[in-house]
Protein backbone atom coordinates (compact mmCIF):
# COMPACT_ATOMS: atom_id res chain seq x y z
CA MET A 1 -17.03 35.22 10.35
CA ALA A 2 -18.91 32.89 8.23
CA LYS A 3 -22.41 32.07 8.19
CA LEU A 4 -23.95 28.60 6.70
CA TYR A 5 -27.44 28.23 5.68
CA TYR A 6 -29.44 25.13 5.15
CA GLY A 7 -32.93 24.19 5.02
CA ASN A 8 -34.61 26.46 2.63
CA ASN A 9 -36.24 24.05 0.01
CA GLY A 10 -33.26 21.80 0.17
CA SER A 11 -30.26 24.31 -0.29
CA CYS A 12 -26.59 24.72 1.45
CA ASN A 13 -24.79 28.12 1.02
CA ILE A 14 -22.28 29.82 3.07
CA GLU A 15 -21.77 33.63 3.45
CA GLY A 16 -18.28 34.70 4.17
CA SER A 17 -15.17 36.40 2.99
CA ASN A 18 -12.80 34.13 0.34
CA ILE A 19 -14.08 31.02 1.78
CA GLN A 20 -12.20 27.84 -0.10
CA VAL A 21 -12.74 25.05 1.85
CA VAL A 22 -15.92 23.83 4.14
CA LEU A 23 -16.12 20.79 6.04
CA ILE A 24 -19.31 19.68 7.30
CA ARG A 25 -20.32 16.76 9.81
CA PHE A 26 -23.96 16.07 10.01
CA ARG A 27 -26.80 13.19 10.77
CA GLY A 28 -29.00 11.98 8.49
CA ALA A 29 -28.70 10.75 4.78
CA ILE A 30 -29.00 12.83 1.79
CA GLU A 31 -28.64 12.96 -2.18
CA ILE A 32 -26.06 15.62 -3.01
CA ASN A 33 -26.59 18.02 -5.88
CA ASP A 34 -23.37 20.02 -6.34
CA LYS A 35 -24.07 23.55 -7.04
CA THR A 36 -19.99 24.74 -6.68
CA SER A 37 -18.03 26.00 -9.54
CA ASP A 38 -15.74 23.52 -11.62
CA SER A 39 -13.22 25.21 -9.13
CA PHE A 40 -14.28 22.90 -6.54
CA ALA A 41 -15.38 19.24 -5.80
CA ILE A 42 -17.60 17.83 -3.13
CA ALA A 43 -16.48 14.53 -1.52
CA GLN A 44 -18.58 12.76 1.15
CA GLN A 45 -17.71 9.55 3.65
CA ASN A 46 -19.58 8.71 6.72
CA ASP A 47 -20.99 11.58 8.39
CA GLY A 48 -18.69 14.11 6.72
CA ILE A 49 -18.94 16.40 3.36
CA MET A 50 -16.01 18.35 2.43
CA ILE A 51 -16.22 21.20 -0.40
CA PHE A 52 -12.66 21.60 -1.61
CA PRO A 53 -10.33 23.73 -4.36
CA ILE A 54 -9.45 21.87 -7.55
CA GLY A 55 -8.49 25.35 -9.14
CA GLU A 56 -9.24 29.01 -8.40
CA GLY A 57 -12.03 30.80 -6.72
CA VAL A 58 -14.28 31.10 -3.70
CA LEU A 59 -17.31 29.58 -2.24
CA ASN A 60 -20.66 30.42 -2.15
CA GLU A 61 -23.44 28.35 -3.23
CA LEU A 62 -22.83 24.65 -2.05
CA PHE A 63 -25.21 22.09 -3.10
CA THR A 64 -28.76 21.06 -2.92
CA TYR A 65 -30.11 17.81 -1.35
CA VAL A 66 -33.09 15.76 -0.64
CA GLY A 67 -33.08 13.55 2.39
CA GLU A 68 -32.84 13.86 6.23
CA PHE A 69 -29.86 16.27 7.07
CA LYS A 70 -29.01 18.08 10.31
CA ILE A 71 -25.70 19.66 10.71
CA ILE A 72 -23.83 19.10 13.77
CA SER A 73 -20.68 21.36 12.86
CA VAL A 74 -19.10 22.97 10.26
CA SER A 75 -15.39 24.60 9.71
CA ALA A 76 -14.46 26.41 7.31
CA VAL A 77 -11.02 27.81 5.94
CA ASP A 78 -10.48 30.84 3.73
CA ASN A 79 -7.69 31.79 0.86
CA ASN A 80 -5.16 32.43 2.87
CA GLY A 81 -5.23 28.97 5.15
CA ASP A 82 -7.11 30.76 8.03
CA GLY A 83 -9.92 28.83 10.12
CA VAL A 84 -12.96 31.19 9.76
CA PRO A 85 -15.53 31.01 12.81
CA THR A 86 -18.92 29.77 11.12
CA SER A 87 -22.28 29.75 12.79
CA ILE A 88 -25.19 27.07 11.50
CA HIS A 89 -28.57 28.78 10.83
CA ARG A 90 -31.18 26.40 9.53
CA VAL A 91 -33.89 28.09 7.41
CA MET A 92 -37.23 26.29 7.63
CA ASP A 93 -38.91 25.31 4.69
CA TYR A 94 -42.38 26.87 3.46
CA THR A 95 -43.78 23.45 3.51
CA GLU A 96 -42.89 23.33 7.19
CA LEU A 97 -44.39 26.68 8.06
CA LEU A 98 -47.72 25.24 6.59
CA ASN A 99 -47.79 22.90 9.37
CA THR A 100 -46.97 25.26 11.94
CA ASN A 101 -49.30 26.98 14.23
CA ALA A 102 -49.47 30.77 14.02
CA GLU A 103 -48.99 31.27 17.67
CA ASP A 104 -45.78 29.27 17.46
CA MET A 105 -44.17 31.43 14.68
CA THR A 106 -42.22 33.35 17.47
CA ILE A 107 -40.09 29.98 18.33
CA ASN A 108 -36.85 29.34 17.00
CA SER A 109 -36.70 27.86 13.61
CA GLU A 110 -35.00 24.96 15.07
CA ASP A 111 -37.92 24.05 16.92
CA LEU A 112 -40.91 24.73 14.31
CA SER A 113 -40.32 20.85 12.83
CA ALA A 114 -39.56 17.65 14.66
CA THR A 115 -38.03 16.90 11.23
CA HIS A 116 -34.97 17.59 8.75
CA VAL A 117 -36.47 16.13 5.96
CA HIS A 118 -36.33 17.88 2.82
CA GLY A 119 -38.47 16.21 -0.07
CA LYS A 120 -38.12 12.18 0.05
CA LYS A 121 -36.19 9.99 2.75
CA VAL A 122 -33.32 8.40 1.22
CA THR A 123 -31.24 5.57 3.01
CA LYS A 124 -27.79 6.30 1.78
CA THR A 125 -25.84 9.73 1.18
CA ILE A 126 -25.06 9.53 -2.56
CA LEU A 127 -23.30 12.38 -4.64
CA LYS A 128 -25.37 13.33 -7.60
CA GLN A 129 -22.11 13.98 -9.20
CA PRO A 130 -19.77 11.20 -8.00
CA TYR A 131 -16.90 12.39 -10.51
CA ILE A 132 -14.92 15.15 -11.47
CA PRO A 133 -15.34 15.47 -14.93
CA ASN A 134 -13.66 17.55 -18.31
CA LEU A 135 -9.87 17.49 -17.00
CA HIS A 136 -7.25 17.37 -19.20
CA THR A 137 -3.64 16.24 -19.06
CA SER A 138 -2.19 19.24 -20.43
CA LYS A 139 -3.97 21.60 -18.15
CA HIS A 140 -3.64 19.67 -14.97
CA ASN A 141 0.25 18.75 -15.59
CA ALA A 142 -0.72 15.22 -15.19
CA MET A 143 1.44 12.58 -16.39
CA LEU A 144 -1.28 9.23 -17.29
CA TYR A 145 -0.97 6.21 -18.77
CA LEU A 146 -3.07 3.23 -20.04
CA GLN A 147 -2.35 -0.42 -18.63
CA ASP A 148 -0.22 -1.27 -21.04
CA GLY A 149 2.39 1.45 -20.41
CA THR A 150 1.52 3.63 -23.04
CA LYS A 151 1.42 7.51 -22.26
CA TYR A 152 -1.86 8.91 -22.20
CA ASP A 153 -2.73 12.51 -23.30
CA GLY A 154 -6.57 13.88 -23.47
CA TYR A 155 -9.61 14.23 -21.52
CA TYR A 156 -9.80 12.24 -18.38
CA HIS A 157 -12.64 12.32 -15.21
CA ILE A 158 -11.78 11.52 -11.38
CA HIS A 159 -14.06 9.21 -9.43
CA LEU A 160 -14.60 10.94 -5.94
CA LYS A 161 -15.70 7.83 -4.02
CA ASP A 162 -12.00 6.04 -4.63
CA ASN A 163 -10.08 8.76 -6.33
CA ALA A 164 -9.80 6.39 -9.61
CA ALA A 165 -8.76 7.94 -13.32
CA MET A 166 -10.38 7.06 -16.44
CA THR A 167 -10.39 8.07 -19.82
CA GLY A 168 -12.95 10.50 -21.34
CA LYS A 169 -14.36 13.76 -20.47
CA GLU A 170 -17.20 11.98 -19.13
CA HIS A 171 -17.71 8.17 -17.49
CA THR A 172 -18.81 5.67 -20.16
CA GLU A 173 -18.47 1.56 -20.60
CA ASP A 174 -15.60 2.70 -22.55
CA SER A 175 -13.54 4.47 -20.08
CA GLN A 176 -10.12 2.84 -19.21
CA ASP A 177 -8.49 3.08 -15.69
CA LEU A 178 -5.42 5.10 -16.03
CA TYR A 179 -2.16 4.88 -14.09
CA PHE A 180 0.97 6.98 -13.37
CA ASN A 181 4.10 5.91 -13.14
CA THR A 182 6.09 5.32 -9.89
CA GLY A 183 9.66 7.08 -11.54
CA LYS A 184 11.45 3.67 -11.12
CA PRO A 185 14.17 3.65 -14.43
CA THR A 186 12.62 0.50 -15.84
CA LYS A 187 12.22 -0.78 -19.39
CA ASN A 188 9.01 -1.38 -18.62
CA PRO A 189 7.30 1.51 -16.51
CA SER A 190 6.40 0.22 -12.89
CA LEU A 191 2.41 1.38 -12.99
CA VAL A 192 0.28 1.95 -10.13
CA PRO A 193 -3.64 3.42 -10.50
CA TYR A 194 -3.61 7.01 -10.69
CA GLY A 195 -5.30 7.75 -7.39
CA ALA A 196 -6.00 11.36 -8.40
CA ILE A 197 -2.96 12.64 -7.74
CA GLU A 198 -3.16 16.59 -7.77
CA GLN A 199 -7.11 15.95 -6.07
CA ARG A 200 -5.90 14.17 -3.57
CA LYS A 201 -3.08 16.28 -2.78
CA ARG A 202 -5.65 19.20 -2.53
CA ARG A 203 -8.00 17.12 -0.27
CA LYS A 204 -5.20 16.53 2.20
CA ALA A 205 -3.99 19.88 2.10
CA ALA A 206 -7.73 21.25 2.91
CA GLU A 207 -7.79 18.67 5.15
CA VAL A 208 -4.57 19.98 7.13
CA LYS A 209 -5.85 23.50 6.43
CA ILE A 210 -8.95 22.56 9.00
CA ARG A 211 -6.63 20.79 11.82
CA GLN A 212 -4.65 23.43 11.67
CA SER A 213 -7.30 26.09 12.13
CA ARG A 214 -8.77 24.33 14.97
CA ARG A 215 -5.55 23.93 16.81
CA ASN A 216 -5.23 27.92 16.48
CA ARG A 217 -8.18 28.51 18.01
CA ARG A 218 -7.63 25.92 21.27
CA ARG A 219 -4.47 28.11 21.88
CA LYS A 220 -6.34 31.66 21.15
CA ASN A 221 -8.71 30.31 23.49
CA GLY A 222 -5.96 29.08 26.12
CA LEU A 223 -7.09 25.53 25.95
């Protein structure tokens, strides 16, 4: 059993044994500040936030946020690929307590405030860390090429929005798009934009684990 906590000063954390994948469905709009280790990445799309591994390790501290954030559901998977039942616990901010009558303090935290806003309101969910930095071709077994077909060796980074890979540890105006070879035996390598192959594989694998854990849970419940 795992527990996901959020709300307390705009933080979101998970407590559980060997958690490696977390999928959150939510309502609202927030600015996400990644607090995981370098072994994990956070991707966001529509009403979903996925935290998934790009290395070794387990999850605890996930992210901090500002904006309106109400978690609707959460799924978690451990390092064995097994789904972990996860409960949601909203911890009320101290600023909310200041606006609460003393006689109401025994009410559940979800009922103590009519809002799920921490800090300023934002109009659109965004990642404060929009790319994965400090990757290297030698460590991630990546065969990358520049647009002219020249093999690229060195540091690169991956943009989480579209999975595009570019040269350099960090993104700058000098960063160049990177491509991968389709493997066709042609004189000039057939290049297509590098869609963060390893990162995409890990993300897809995380999604598969989530779906499999849901199916297994339904079967156990006889549904």
